[in-house]
Amino acid sequence: MKSLAAVLIVLAAAAVAASASESEFKQTPVADMPADPRGPLLGRFAVLVYSLNRNRRLTYDGVSLVDQHPDKGGVRYQMVVTAADAGGGAAAPYRAVVWGIPETHAWMLLEFNRIN
């Protein structure tokens, strides 16, 4: 039941982001954006969504190199997430890109690729 709820949340976030991308956003450049403490939370989110989407059992090990910048009315986070196969596999780094609007439930995983 928890996985169904997670899938529904992801689908709702995708619908909100799709409707938001069609409207115009005035994006103001931000030279010095303060560091965001959401890195570990978004890293876990990326691993969970990827695992549910690909039917893989990955476990979150950590996040590093979190970069953020404003994008289409929200914030785009690019990070390196370390995840391991739940079956005891070795941990590997993945490049994850997450877009969302802070302080809302509108979050999307845009990219999750293993770094070789």
PDB file of N, CA and C in Angstrom:
ATOM      1  N   MET A   1       0.818  -1.187   0.000  1.00  0.00           N
ATOM      2  CA  MET A   1       0.000   0.000   0.000  1.00  0.00           C
ATOM      3  C   MET A   1       0.868   1.260   0.000  1.00  0.00           C
ATOM      4  N   LYS A   2       2.032   1.210   0.692  1.00  0.00           N
ATOM      5  CA  LYS A   2       2.918   2.367   0.730  1.00  0.00           C
ATOM      6  C   LYS A   2       3.477   2.667  -0.655  1.00  0.00           C
ATOM      7  N   SER A   3       3.809   1.611  -1.432  1.00  0.00           N
ATOM      8  CA  SER A   3       4.353   1.861  -2.761  1.00  0.00           C
ATOM      9  C   SER A   3       3.293   2.462  -3.676  1.00  0.00           C
ATOM     10  N   LEU A   4       2.046   2.066  -3.527  1.00  0.00           N
ATOM     11  CA  LEU A   4       0.969   2.647  -4.320  1.00  0.00           C
ATOM     12  C   LEU A   4       0.812   4.130  -3.986  1.00  0.00           C
ATOM     13  N   ALA A   5       0.901   4.466  -2.710  1.00  0.00           N
ATOM     14  CA  ALA A   5       0.807   5.862  -2.302  1.00  0.00           C
ATOM     15  C   ALA A   5       1.967   6.667  -2.877  1.00  0.00           C
ATOM     16  N   ALA A   6       3.164   6.100  -2.881  1.00  0.00           N
ATOM     17  CA  ALA A   6       4.328   6.794  -3.429  1.00  0.00           C
ATOM     18  C   ALA A   6       4.165   7.028  -4.927  1.00  0.00           C
ATOM     19  N   VAL A   7       3.635   6.037  -5.633  1.00  0.00           N
ATOM     20  CA  VAL A   7       3.412   6.185  -7.074  1.00  0.00           C
ATOM     21  C   VAL A   7       2.376   7.273  -7.333  1.00  0.00           C
ATOM     22  N   LEU A   8       1.319   7.306  -6.533  1.00  0.00           N
ATOM     23  CA  LEU A   8       0.294   8.334  -6.708  1.00  0.00           C
ATOM     24  C   LEU A   8       0.843   9.729  -6.449  1.00  0.00           C
ATOM     25  N   ILE A   9       1.711   9.855  -5.465  1.00  0.00           N
ATOM     26  CA  ILE A   9       2.333  11.154  -5.172  1.00  0.00           C
ATOM     27  C   ILE A   9       3.202  11.595  -6.341  1.00  0.00           C
ATOM     28  N   VAL A  10       3.966  10.671  -6.908  1.00  0.00           N
ATOM     29  CA  VAL A  10       4.837  10.997  -8.039  1.00  0.00           C
ATOM     30  C   VAL A  10       3.996  11.399  -9.246  1.00  0.00           C
ATOM     31  N   LEU A  11       2.906  10.665  -9.499  1.00  0.00           N
ATOM     32  CA  LEU A  11       2.040  11.012 -10.630  1.00  0.00           C
ATOM     33  C   LEU A  11       1.390  12.375 -10.439  1.00  0.00           C
ATOM     34  N   ALA A  12       0.971  12.682  -9.221  1.00  0.00           N
ATOM     35  CA  ALA A  12       0.379  13.991  -8.943  1.00  0.00           C
ATOM     36  C   ALA A  12       1.408  15.094  -9.153  1.00  0.00           C
ATOM     37  N   ALA A  13       2.631  14.861  -8.717  1.00  0.00           N
ATOM     38  CA  ALA A  13       3.688  15.854  -8.903  1.00  0.00           C
ATOM     39  C   ALA A  13       3.974  16.057 -10.384  1.00  0.00           C
ATOM     40  N   ALA A  14       3.953  14.981 -11.159  1.00  0.00           N
ATOM     41  CA  ALA A  14       4.194  15.087 -12.600  1.00  0.00           C
ATOM     42  C   ALA A  14       3.084  15.884 -13.272  1.00  0.00           C
ATOM     43  N   ALA A  15       1.845  15.675 -12.857  1.00  0.00           N
ATOM     44  CA  ALA A  15       0.724  16.407 -13.435  1.00  0.00           C
ATOM     45  C   ALA A  15       0.823  17.900 -13.108  1.00  0.00           C
ATOM     46  N   VAL A  16       1.183  18.220 -11.875  1.00  0.00           N
ATOM     47  CA  VAL A  16       1.326  19.622 -11.479  1.00  0.00           C
ATOM     48  C   VAL A  16       2.455  20.278 -12.266  1.00  0.00           C
ATOM     49  N   ALA A  17       3.565  19.586 -12.416  1.00  0.00           N
ATOM     50  CA  ALA A  17       4.704  20.147 -13.135  1.00  0.00           C
ATOM     51  C   ALA A  17       4.387  20.305 -14.621  1.00  0.00           C
ATOM     52  N   ALA A  18       3.651  19.363 -15.198  1.00  0.00           N
ATOM     53  CA  ALA A  18       3.290  19.462 -16.605  1.00  0.00           C
ATOM     54  C   ALA A  18       2.388  20.668 -16.841  1.00  0.00           C
ATOM     55  N   SER A  19       1.430  20.879 -15.966  1.00  0.00           N
ATOM     56  CA  SER A  19       0.550  22.038 -16.134  1.00  0.00           C
ATOM     57  C   SER A  19       1.307  23.332 -15.869  1.00  0.00           C
ATOM     58  N   ALA A  20       2.257  23.290 -14.959  1.00  0.00           N
ATOM     59  CA  ALA A  20       3.037  24.489 -14.648  1.00  0.00           C
ATOM     60  C   ALA A  20       3.985  24.841 -15.789  1.00  0.00           C
ATOM     61  N   SER A  21       4.503  23.823 -16.499  1.00  0.00           N
ATOM     62  CA  SER A  21       5.451  24.101 -17.569  1.00  0.00           C
ATOM     63  C   SER A  21       4.780  24.768 -18.757  1.00  0.00           C
ATOM     64  N   GLU A  22       3.453  24.625 -18.885  1.00  0.00           N
ATOM     65  CA  GLU A  22       2.744  25.238 -19.994  1.00  0.00           C
ATOM     66  C   GLU A  22       2.506  26.726 -19.765  1.00  0.00           C
ATOM     67  N   SER A  23       2.430  27.140 -18.528  1.00  0.00           N
ATOM     68  CA  SER A  23       2.229  28.561 -18.265  1.00  0.00           C
ATOM     69  C   SER A  23       3.584  29.262 -18.226  1.00  0.00           C
ATOM     70  N   GLU A  24       3.537  30.575 -18.448  1.00  0.00           N
ATOM     71  CA  GLU A  24       4.787  31.328 -18.476  1.00  0.00           C
ATOM     72  C   GLU A  24       5.243  31.659 -17.068  1.00  0.00           C
ATOM     73  N   PHE A  25       6.537  31.475 -16.833  1.00  0.00           N
ATOM     74  CA  PHE A  25       7.135  31.855 -15.564  1.00  0.00           C
ATOM     75  C   PHE A  25       8.139  32.959 -15.831  1.00  0.00           C
ATOM     76  N   LYS A  26       8.109  33.950 -15.000  1.00  0.00           N
ATOM     77  CA  LYS A  26       9.125  34.992 -15.054  1.00  0.00           C
ATOM     78  C   LYS A  26      10.256  34.542 -14.152  1.00  0.00           C
ATOM     79  N   GLN A  27      11.386  34.251 -14.759  1.00  0.00           N
ATOM     80  CA  GLN A  27      12.517  33.741 -13.994  1.00  0.00           C
ATOM     81  C   GLN A  27      13.542  34.855 -13.827  1.00  0.00           C
ATOM     82  N   THR A  28      13.819  35.183 -12.598  1.00  0.00           N
ATOM     83  CA  THR A  28      14.817  36.196 -12.334  1.00  0.00           C
ATOM     84  C   THR A  28      16.126  35.512 -11.985  1.00  0.00           C
ATOM     85  N   PRO A  29      17.223  35.955 -12.573  1.00  0.00           N
ATOM     86  CA  PRO A  29      18.500  35.320 -12.263  1.00  0.00           C
ATOM     87  C   PRO A  29      18.908  35.579 -10.815  1.00  0.00           C
ATOM     88  N   VAL A  30      19.396  34.547 -10.193  1.00  0.00           N
ATOM     89  CA  VAL A  30      19.852  34.646  -8.808  1.00  0.00           C
ATOM     90  C   VAL A  30      21.342  34.336  -8.800  1.00  0.00           C
ATOM     91  N   ALA A  31      22.141  35.327  -8.444  1.00  0.00           N
ATOM     92  CA  ALA A  31      23.588  35.154  -8.485  1.00  0.00           C
ATOM     93  C   ALA A  31      24.066  34.235  -7.366  1.00  0.00           C
ATOM     94  N   ASP A  32      23.626  34.494  -6.160  1.00  0.00           N
ATOM     95  CA  ASP A  32      24.088  33.705  -5.015  1.00  0.00           C
ATOM     96  C   ASP A  32      22.889  33.067  -4.328  1.00  0.00           C
ATOM     97  N   MET A  33      22.576  31.866  -4.732  1.00  0.00           N
ATOM     98  CA  MET A  33      21.463  31.155  -4.112  1.00  0.00           C
ATOM     99  C   MET A  33      21.988  30.462  -2.870  1.00  0.00           C
ATOM    100  N   PRO A  34      21.342  30.611  -1.718  1.00  0.00           N
ATOM    101  CA  PRO A  34      21.853  29.990  -0.500  1.00  0.00           C
ATOM    102  C   PRO A  34      21.820  28.463  -0.596  1.00  0.00           C
ATOM    103  N   ALA A  35      22.734  27.834   0.116  1.00  0.00           N
ATOM    104  CA  ALA A  35      22.792  26.368   0.127  1.00  0.00           C
ATOM    105  C   ALA A  35      21.498  25.817   0.704  1.00  0.00           C
ATOM    106  N   ASP A  36      21.021  24.726   0.101  1.00  0.00           N
ATOM    107  CA  ASP A  36      19.749  24.144   0.500  1.00  0.00           C
ATOM    108  C   ASP A  36      20.013  22.841   1.242  1.00  0.00           C
ATOM    109  N   PRO A  37      19.450  22.665   2.432  1.00  0.00           N
ATOM    110  CA  PRO A  37      19.687  21.443   3.205  1.00  0.00           C
ATOM    111  C   PRO A  37      18.855  20.250   2.719  1.00  0.00           C
ATOM    112  N   ARG A  38      18.157  20.394   1.584  1.00  0.00           N
ATOM    113  CA  ARG A  38      17.301  19.308   1.101  1.00  0.00           C
ATOM    114  C   ARG A  38      18.067  18.207   0.387  1.00  0.00           C
ATOM    115  N   GLY A  39      19.369  18.310   0.226  1.00  0.00           N
ATOM    116  CA  GLY A  39      20.156  17.326  -0.523  1.00  0.00           C
ATOM    117  C   GLY A  39      19.889  15.876  -0.141  1.00  0.00           C
ATOM    118  N   PRO A  40      20.065  15.491   1.119  1.00  0.00           N
ATOM    119  CA  PRO A  40      19.806  14.096   1.498  1.00  0.00           C
ATOM    120  C   PRO A  40      18.356  13.670   1.277  1.00  0.00           C
ATOM    121  N   LEU A  41      17.419  14.552   1.550  1.00  0.00           N
ATOM    122  CA  LEU A  41      16.002  14.228   1.339  1.00  0.00           C
ATOM    123  C   LEU A  41      15.718  13.995  -0.142  1.00  0.00           C
ATOM    124  N   LEU A  42      16.255  14.862  -1.004  1.00  0.00           N
ATOM    125  CA  LEU A  42      16.039  14.703  -2.442  1.00  0.00           C
ATOM    126  C   LEU A  42      16.799  13.508  -2.992  1.00  0.00           C
ATOM    127  N   GLY A  43      17.937  13.185  -2.405  1.00  0.00           N
ATOM    128  CA  GLY A  43      18.661  11.975  -2.819  1.00  0.00           C
ATOM    129  C   GLY A  43      17.851  10.722  -2.525  1.00  0.00           C
ATOM    130  N   ARG A  44      17.254  10.664  -1.348  1.00  0.00           N
ATOM    131  CA  ARG A  44      16.381   9.529  -1.001  1.00  0.00           C
ATOM    132  C   ARG A  44      15.167   9.474  -1.927  1.00  0.00           C
ATOM    133  N   PHE A  45      14.593  10.648  -2.222  1.00  0.00           N
ATOM    134  CA  PHE A  45      13.463  10.729  -3.136  1.00  0.00           C
ATOM    135  C   PHE A  45      13.847  10.162  -4.510  1.00  0.00           C
ATOM    136  N   ALA A  46      15.012  10.556  -5.023  1.00  0.00           N
ATOM    137  CA  ALA A  46      15.457  10.094  -6.336  1.00  0.00           C
ATOM    138  C   ALA A  46      15.620   8.580  -6.371  1.00  0.00           C
ATOM    139  N   VAL A  47      16.229   8.013  -5.336  1.00  0.00           N
ATOM    140  CA  VAL A  47      16.421   6.554  -5.284  1.00  0.00           C
ATOM    141  C   VAL A  47      15.077   5.843  -5.197  1.00  0.00           C
ATOM    142  N   LEU A  48      14.171   6.349  -4.387  1.00  0.00           N
ATOM    143  CA  LEU A  48      12.852   5.731  -4.237  1.00  0.00           C
ATOM    144  C   LEU A  48      12.070   5.753  -5.545  1.00  0.00           C
ATOM    145  N   VAL A  49      12.007   6.907  -6.192  1.00  0.00           N
ATOM    146  CA  VAL A  49      11.239   7.020  -7.438  1.00  0.00           C
ATOM    147  C   VAL A  49      11.857   6.143  -8.528  1.00  0.00           C
ATOM    148  N   TYR A  50      13.176   6.167  -8.640  1.00  0.00           N
ATOM    149  CA  TYR A  50      13.841   5.330  -9.643  1.00  0.00           C
ATOM    150  C   TYR A  50      13.581   3.848  -9.362  1.00  0.00           C
ATOM    151  N   SER A  51      13.689   3.448  -8.112  1.00  0.00           N
ATOM    152  CA  SER A  51      13.462   2.042  -7.749  1.00  0.00           C
ATOM    153  C   SER A  51      12.036   1.611  -8.078  1.00  0.00           C
ATOM    154  N   LEU A  52      11.061   2.449  -7.782  1.00  0.00           N
ATOM    155  CA  LEU A  52       9.671   2.122  -8.083  1.00  0.00           C
ATOM    156  C   LEU A  52       9.420   2.077  -9.589  1.00  0.00           C
ATOM    157  N   ASN A  53      10.023   3.004 -10.310  1.00  0.00           N
ATOM    158  CA  ASN A  53       9.808   3.079 -11.749  1.00  0.00           C
ATOM    159  C   ASN A  53      10.463   1.922 -12.497  1.00  0.00           C
ATOM    160  N   ARG A  54      11.649   1.519 -12.086  1.00  0.00           N
ATOM    161  CA  ARG A  54      12.401   0.469 -12.777  1.00  0.00           C
ATOM    162  C   ARG A  54      12.266  -0.898 -12.134  1.00  0.00           C
ATOM    163  N   ASN A  55      11.496  -0.976 -11.062  1.00  0.00           N
ATOM    164  CA  ASN A  55      11.311  -2.229 -10.326  1.00  0.00           C
ATOM    165  C   ASN A  55      12.657  -2.814  -9.879  1.00  0.00           C
ATOM    166  N   ARG A  56      13.519  -1.931  -9.387  1.00  0.00           N
ATOM    167  CA  ARG A  56      14.814  -2.335  -8.842  1.00  0.00           C
ATOM    168  C   ARG A  56      14.800  -2.046  -7.356  1.00  0.00           C
ATOM    169  N   ARG A  57      15.590  -2.776  -6.638  1.00  0.00           N
ATOM    170  CA  ARG A  57      15.663  -2.581  -5.188  1.00  0.00           C
ATOM    171  C   ARG A  57      16.993  -1.911  -4.853  1.00  0.00           C
ATOM    172  N   LEU A  58      16.988  -0.597  -4.888  1.00  0.00           N
ATOM    173  CA  LEU A  58      18.169   0.174  -4.527  1.00  0.00           C
ATOM    174  C   LEU A  58      17.978   0.760  -3.140  1.00  0.00           C
ATOM    175  N   THR A  59      19.073   0.873  -2.421  1.00  0.00           N
ATOM    176  CA  THR A  59      19.040   1.528  -1.116  1.00  0.00           C
ATOM    177  C   THR A  59      19.931   2.767  -1.172  1.00  0.00           C
ATOM    178  N   TYR A  60      19.476   3.802  -0.542  1.00  0.00           N
ATOM    179  CA  TYR A  60      20.189   5.074  -0.501  1.00  0.00           C
ATOM    180  C   TYR A  60      21.386   4.964   0.439  1.00  0.00           C
ATOM    181  N   ASP A  61      22.557   5.421  -0.034  1.00  0.00           N
ATOM    182  CA  ASP A  61      23.750   5.422   0.811  1.00  0.00           C
ATOM    183  C   ASP A  61      24.249   6.823   1.140  1.00  0.00           C
ATOM    184  N   GLY A  62      24.004   7.770   0.269  1.00  0.00           N
ATOM    185  CA  GLY A  62      24.469   9.125   0.532  1.00  0.00           C
ATOM    186  C   GLY A  62      24.322  10.014  -0.689  1.00  0.00           C
ATOM    187  N   VAL A  63      24.596  11.292  -0.484  1.00  0.00           N
ATOM    188  CA  VAL A  63      24.509  12.263  -1.570  1.00  0.00           C
ATOM    189  C   VAL A  63      25.691  13.214  -1.461  1.00  0.00           C
ATOM    190  N   SER A  64      26.175  13.681  -2.605  1.00  0.00           N
ATOM    191  CA  SER A  64      27.274  14.640  -2.618  1.00  0.00           C
ATOM    192  C   SER A  64      27.136  15.530  -3.843  1.00  0.00           C
ATOM    193  N   LEU A  65      27.893  16.572  -3.873  1.00  0.00           N
ATOM    194  CA  LEU A  65      27.939  17.491  -5.000  1.00  0.00           C
ATOM    195  C   LEU A  65      26.555  18.000  -5.398  1.00  0.00           C
ATOM    196  N   VAL A  66      25.804  18.524  -4.462  1.00  0.00           N
ATOM    197  CA  VAL A  66      24.471  19.058  -4.752  1.00  0.00           C
ATOM    198  C   VAL A  66      24.623  20.458  -5.341  1.00  0.00           C
ATOM    199  N   ASP A  67      24.087  20.624  -6.547  1.00  0.00           N
ATOM    200  CA  ASP A  67      24.085  21.918  -7.215  1.00  0.00           C
ATOM    201  C   ASP A  67      22.644  22.297  -7.483  1.00  0.00           C
ATOM    202  N   GLN A  68      22.310  23.541  -7.292  1.00  0.00           N
ATOM    203  CA  GLN A  68      20.928  23.978  -7.483  1.00  0.00           C
ATOM    204  C   GLN A  68      20.900  25.293  -8.228  1.00  0.00           C
ATOM    205  N   HIS A  69      19.855  25.475  -9.009  1.00  0.00           N
ATOM    206  CA  HIS A  69      19.624  26.758  -9.660  1.00  0.00           C
ATOM    207  C   HIS A  69      18.143  26.896 -10.003  1.00  0.00           C
ATOM    208  N   PRO A  70      17.640  28.142 -10.046  1.00  0.00           N
ATOM    209  CA  PRO A  70      16.233  28.362 -10.352  1.00  0.00           C
ATOM    210  C   PRO A  70      15.918  27.892 -11.768  1.00  0.00           C
ATOM    211  N   ASP A  71      14.727  27.310 -11.952  1.00  0.00           N
ATOM    212  CA  ASP A  71      14.344  26.803 -13.262  1.00  0.00           C
ATOM    213  C   ASP A  71      12.823  26.735 -13.353  1.00  0.00           C
ATOM    214  N   LYS A  72      12.235  27.497 -14.248  1.00  0.00           N
ATOM    215  CA  LYS A  72      10.798  27.467 -14.547  1.00  0.00           C
ATOM    216  C   LYS A  72       9.912  27.576 -13.306  1.00  0.00           C
ATOM    217  N   GLY A  73      10.196  28.518 -12.468  1.00  0.00           N
ATOM    218  CA  GLY A  73       9.370  28.748 -11.294  1.00  0.00           C
ATOM    219  C   GLY A  73       9.673  27.845 -10.121  1.00  0.00           C
ATOM    220  N   GLY A  74      10.635  26.973 -10.252  1.00  0.00           N
ATOM    221  CA  GLY A  74      11.026  26.067  -9.175  1.00  0.00           C
ATOM    222  C   GLY A  74      12.537  26.062  -9.044  1.00  0.00           C
ATOM    223  N   VAL A  75      13.061  24.967  -8.535  1.00  0.00           N
ATOM    224  CA  VAL A  75      14.500  24.814  -8.371  1.00  0.00           C
ATOM    225  C   VAL A  75      14.904  23.477  -8.963  1.00  0.00           C
ATOM    226  N   ARG A  76      15.967  23.477  -9.765  1.00  0.00           N
ATOM    227  CA  ARG A  76      16.514  22.245 -10.336  1.00  0.00           C
ATOM    228  C   ARG A  76      17.750  21.864  -9.520  1.00  0.00           C
ATOM    229  N   TYR A  77      17.723  20.657  -8.986  1.00  0.00           N
ATOM    230  CA  TYR A  77      18.835  20.139  -8.191  1.00  0.00           C
ATOM    231  C   TYR A  77      19.552  19.068  -8.996  1.00  0.00           C
ATOM    232  N   GLN A  78      20.864  19.209  -9.118  1.00  0.00           N
ATOM    233  CA  GLN A  78      21.694  18.182  -9.733  1.00  0.00           C
ATOM    234  C   GLN A  78      22.622  17.671  -8.650  1.00  0.00           C
ATOM    235  N   MET A  79      22.691  16.361  -8.514  1.00  0.00           N
ATOM    236  CA  MET A  79      23.480  15.800  -7.426  1.00  0.00           C
ATOM    237  C   MET A  79      24.049  14.441  -7.811  1.00  0.00           C
ATOM    238  N   VAL A  80      25.016  14.009  -7.050  1.00  0.00           N
ATOM    239  CA  VAL A  80      25.549  12.659  -7.179  1.00  0.00           C
ATOM    240  C   VAL A  80      25.045  11.872  -5.978  1.00  0.00           C
ATOM    241  N   VAL A  81      24.277  10.829  -6.263  1.00  0.00           N
ATOM    242  CA  VAL A  81      23.678   9.989  -5.228  1.00  0.00           C
ATOM    243  C   VAL A  81      24.381   8.646  -5.237  1.00  0.00           C
ATOM    244  N   THR A  82      24.752   8.161  -4.072  1.00  0.00           N
ATOM    245  CA  THR A  82      25.337   6.838  -3.955  1.00  0.00           C
ATOM    246  C   THR A  82      24.244   5.880  -3.504  1.00  0.00           C
ATOM    247  N   ALA A  83      24.062   4.807  -4.285  1.00  0.00           N
ATOM    248  CA  ALA A  83      23.029   3.821  -3.975  1.00  0.00           C
ATOM    249  C   ALA A  83      23.589   2.426  -4.215  1.00  0.00           C
ATOM    250  N   ALA A  84      23.042   1.454  -3.506  1.00  0.00           N
ATOM    251  CA  ALA A  84      23.488   0.063  -3.631  1.00  0.00           C
ATOM    252  C   ALA A  84      22.290  -0.832  -3.876  1.00  0.00           C
ATOM    253  N   ASP A  85      22.533  -1.971  -4.538  1.00  0.00           N
ATOM    254  CA  ASP A  85      21.483  -2.968  -4.701  1.00  0.00           C
ATOM    255  C   ASP A  85      21.131  -3.525  -3.333  1.00  0.00           C
ATOM    256  N   ALA A  86      19.838  -3.673  -3.082  1.00  0.00           N
ATOM    257  CA  ALA A  86      19.388  -4.150  -1.780  1.00  0.00           C
ATOM    258  C   ALA A  86      19.826  -5.589  -1.521  1.00  0.00           C
ATOM    259  N   GLY A  87      20.166  -6.315  -2.557  1.00  0.00           N
ATOM    260  CA  GLY A  87      20.595  -7.699  -2.407  1.00  0.00           C
ATOM    261  C   GLY A  87      22.047  -7.836  -1.984  1.00  0.00           C
ATOM    262  N   GLY A  88      22.656  -6.768  -1.519  1.00  0.00           N
ATOM    263  CA  GLY A  88      24.033  -6.832  -1.047  1.00  0.00           C
ATOM    264  C   GLY A  88      25.045  -6.422  -2.096  1.00  0.00           C
ATOM    265  N   GLY A  89      24.593  -5.778  -3.164  1.00  0.00           N
ATOM    266  CA  GLY A  89      25.498  -5.322  -4.212  1.00  0.00           C
ATOM    267  C   GLY A  89      26.347  -4.150  -3.758  1.00  0.00           C
ATOM    268  N   ALA A  90      27.385  -3.888  -4.520  1.00  0.00           N
ATOM    269  CA  ALA A  90      28.277  -2.781  -4.195  1.00  0.00           C
ATOM    270  C   ALA A  90      27.599  -1.454  -4.494  1.00  0.00           C
ATOM    271  N   ALA A  91      27.959  -0.454  -3.743  1.00  0.00           N
ATOM    272  CA  ALA A  91      27.406   0.881  -3.944  1.00  0.00           C
ATOM    273  C   ALA A  91      28.007   1.500  -5.200  1.00  0.00           C
ATOM    274  N   ALA A  92      27.193   2.276  -5.911  1.00  0.00           N
ATOM    275  CA  ALA A  92      27.637   2.937  -7.138  1.00  0.00           C
ATOM    276  C   ALA A  92      27.096   4.358  -7.149  1.00  0.00           C
ATOM    277  N   PRO A  93      27.817   5.285  -7.807  1.00  0.00           N
ATOM    278  CA  PRO A  93      27.323   6.662  -7.901  1.00  0.00           C
ATOM    279  C   PRO A  93      26.346   6.822  -9.065  1.00  0.00           C
ATOM    280  N   TYR A  94      25.336   7.649  -8.865  1.00  0.00           N
ATOM    281  CA  TYR A  94      24.344   7.955  -9.887  1.00  0.00           C
ATOM    282  C   TYR A  94      24.206   9.467  -9.978  1.00  0.00           C
ATOM    283  N   ARG A  95      24.018   9.966 -11.187  1.00  0.00           N
ATOM    284  CA  ARG A  95      23.735  11.392 -11.381  1.00  0.00           C
ATOM    285  C   ARG A  95      22.227  11.544 -11.366  1.00  0.00           C
ATOM    286  N   ALA A  96      21.720  12.350 -10.451  1.00  0.00           N
ATOM    287  CA  ALA A  96      20.282  12.562 -10.315  1.00  0.00           C
ATOM    288  C   ALA A  96      19.968  14.034 -10.541  1.00  0.00           C
ATOM    289  N   VAL A  97      18.878  14.275 -11.265  1.00  0.00           N
ATOM    290  CA  VAL A  97      18.379  15.626 -11.476  1.00  0.00           C
ATOM    291  C   VAL A  97      16.932  15.642 -11.001  1.00  0.00           C
ATOM    292  N   VAL A  98      16.647  16.500 -10.029  1.00  0.00           N
ATOM    293  CA  VAL A  98      15.316  16.616  -9.441  1.00  0.00           C
ATOM    294  C   VAL A  98      14.866  18.057  -9.595  1.00  0.00           C
ATOM    295  N   TRP A  99      13.618  18.252 -10.025  1.00  0.00           N
ATOM    296  CA  TRP A  99      13.036  19.585 -10.122  1.00  0.00           C
ATOM    297  C   TRP A  99      11.856  19.662  -9.168  1.00  0.00           C
ATOM    298  N   GLY A 100      11.714  20.803  -8.531  1.00  0.00           N
ATOM    299  CA  GLY A 100      10.581  20.963  -7.640  1.00  0.00           C
ATOM    300  C   GLY A 100      10.398  22.391  -7.189  1.00  0.00           C
ATOM    301  N   ILE A 101       9.284  22.599  -6.537  1.00  0.00           N
ATOM    302  CA  ILE A 101       8.966  23.898  -5.958  1.00  0.00           C
ATOM    303  C   ILE A 101       9.080  23.746  -4.447  1.00  0.00           C
ATOM    304  N   PRO A 102      10.066  24.395  -3.834  1.00  0.00           N
ATOM    305  CA  PRO A 102      10.246  24.265  -2.389  1.00  0.00           C
ATOM    306  C   PRO A 102       8.973  24.607  -1.619  1.00  0.00           C
ATOM    307  N   GLU A 103       8.798  23.936  -0.507  1.00  0.00           N
ATOM    308  CA  GLU A 103       7.649  24.097   0.388  1.00  0.00           C
ATOM    309  C   GLU A 103       6.333  23.620  -0.220  1.00  0.00           C
ATOM    310  N   THR A 104       6.409  22.771  -1.262  1.00  0.00           N
ATOM    311  CA  THR A 104       5.209  22.170  -1.854  1.00  0.00           C
ATOM    312  C   THR A 104       5.459  20.668  -2.024  1.00  0.00           C
ATOM    313  N   HIS A 105       4.472  19.996  -2.597  1.00  0.00           N
ATOM    314  CA  HIS A 105       4.620  18.575  -2.903  1.00  0.00           C
ATOM    315  C   HIS A 105       4.883  18.353  -4.386  1.00  0.00           C
ATOM    316  N   ALA A 106       5.209  19.397  -5.112  1.00  0.00           N
ATOM    317  CA  ALA A 106       5.447  19.295  -6.550  1.00  0.00           C
ATOM    318  C   ALA A 106       6.927  19.021  -6.812  1.00  0.00           C
ATOM    319  N   TRP A 107       7.279  17.735  -6.901  1.00  0.00           N
ATOM    320  CA  TRP A 107       8.658  17.321  -7.147  1.00  0.00           C
ATOM    321  C   TRP A 107       8.673  16.257  -8.231  1.00  0.00           C
ATOM    322  N   MET A 108       9.692  16.309  -9.093  1.00  0.00           N
ATOM    323  CA  MET A 108       9.825  15.336 -10.180  1.00  0.00           C
ATOM    324  C   MET A 108      11.273  14.891 -10.306  1.00  0.00           C
ATOM    325  N   LEU A 109      11.449  13.603 -10.561  1.00  0.00           N
ATOM    326  CA  LEU A 109      12.773  13.071 -10.896  1.00  0.00           C
ATOM    327  C   LEU A 109      12.916  13.159 -12.401  1.00  0.00           C
ATOM    328  N   LEU A 110      13.854  13.969 -12.867  1.00  0.00           N
ATOM    329  CA  LEU A 110      14.043  14.158 -14.299  1.00  0.00           C
ATOM    330  C   LEU A 110      15.086  13.217 -14.881  1.00  0.00           C
ATOM    331  N   GLU A 111      16.076  12.857 -14.077  1.00  0.00           N
ATOM    332  CA  GLU A 111      17.164  12.030 -14.583  1.00  0.00           C
ATOM    333  C   GLU A 111      17.782  11.233 -13.451  1.00  0.00           C
ATOM    334  N   PHE A 112      18.149   9.988 -13.738  1.00  0.00           N
ATOM    335  CA  PHE A 112      18.834   9.152 -12.755  1.00  0.00           C
ATOM    336  C   PHE A 112      19.666   8.150 -13.548  1.00  0.00           C
ATOM    337  N   ASN A 113      20.952   8.453 -13.714  1.00  0.00           N
ATOM    338  CA  ASN A 113      21.837   7.628 -14.518  1.00  0.00           C
ATOM    339  C   ASN A 113      23.075   7.236 -13.733  1.00  0.00           C
ATOM    340  N   ARG A 114      23.485   5.992 -13.914  1.00  0.00           N
ATOM    341  CA  ARG A 114      24.704   5.524 -13.246  1.00  0.00           C
ATOM    342  C   ARG A 114      25.918   6.194 -13.865  1.00  0.00           C
ATOM    343  N   ILE A 115      26.839   6.599 -13.015  1.00  0.00           N
ATOM    344  CA  ILE A 115      28.091   7.207 -13.461  1.00  0.00           C
ATOM    345  C   ILE A 115      29.121   6.103 -13.569  1.00  0.00           C
ATOM    346  N   ASN A 116      29.689   5.968 -14.739  1.00  0.00           N
ATOM    347  CA  ASN A 116      30.706   4.898 -14.936  1.00  0.00           C
ATOM    348  C   ASN A 116      32.081   5.384 -14.639  1.00  0.00           C
TER     349      ASN A 116
END
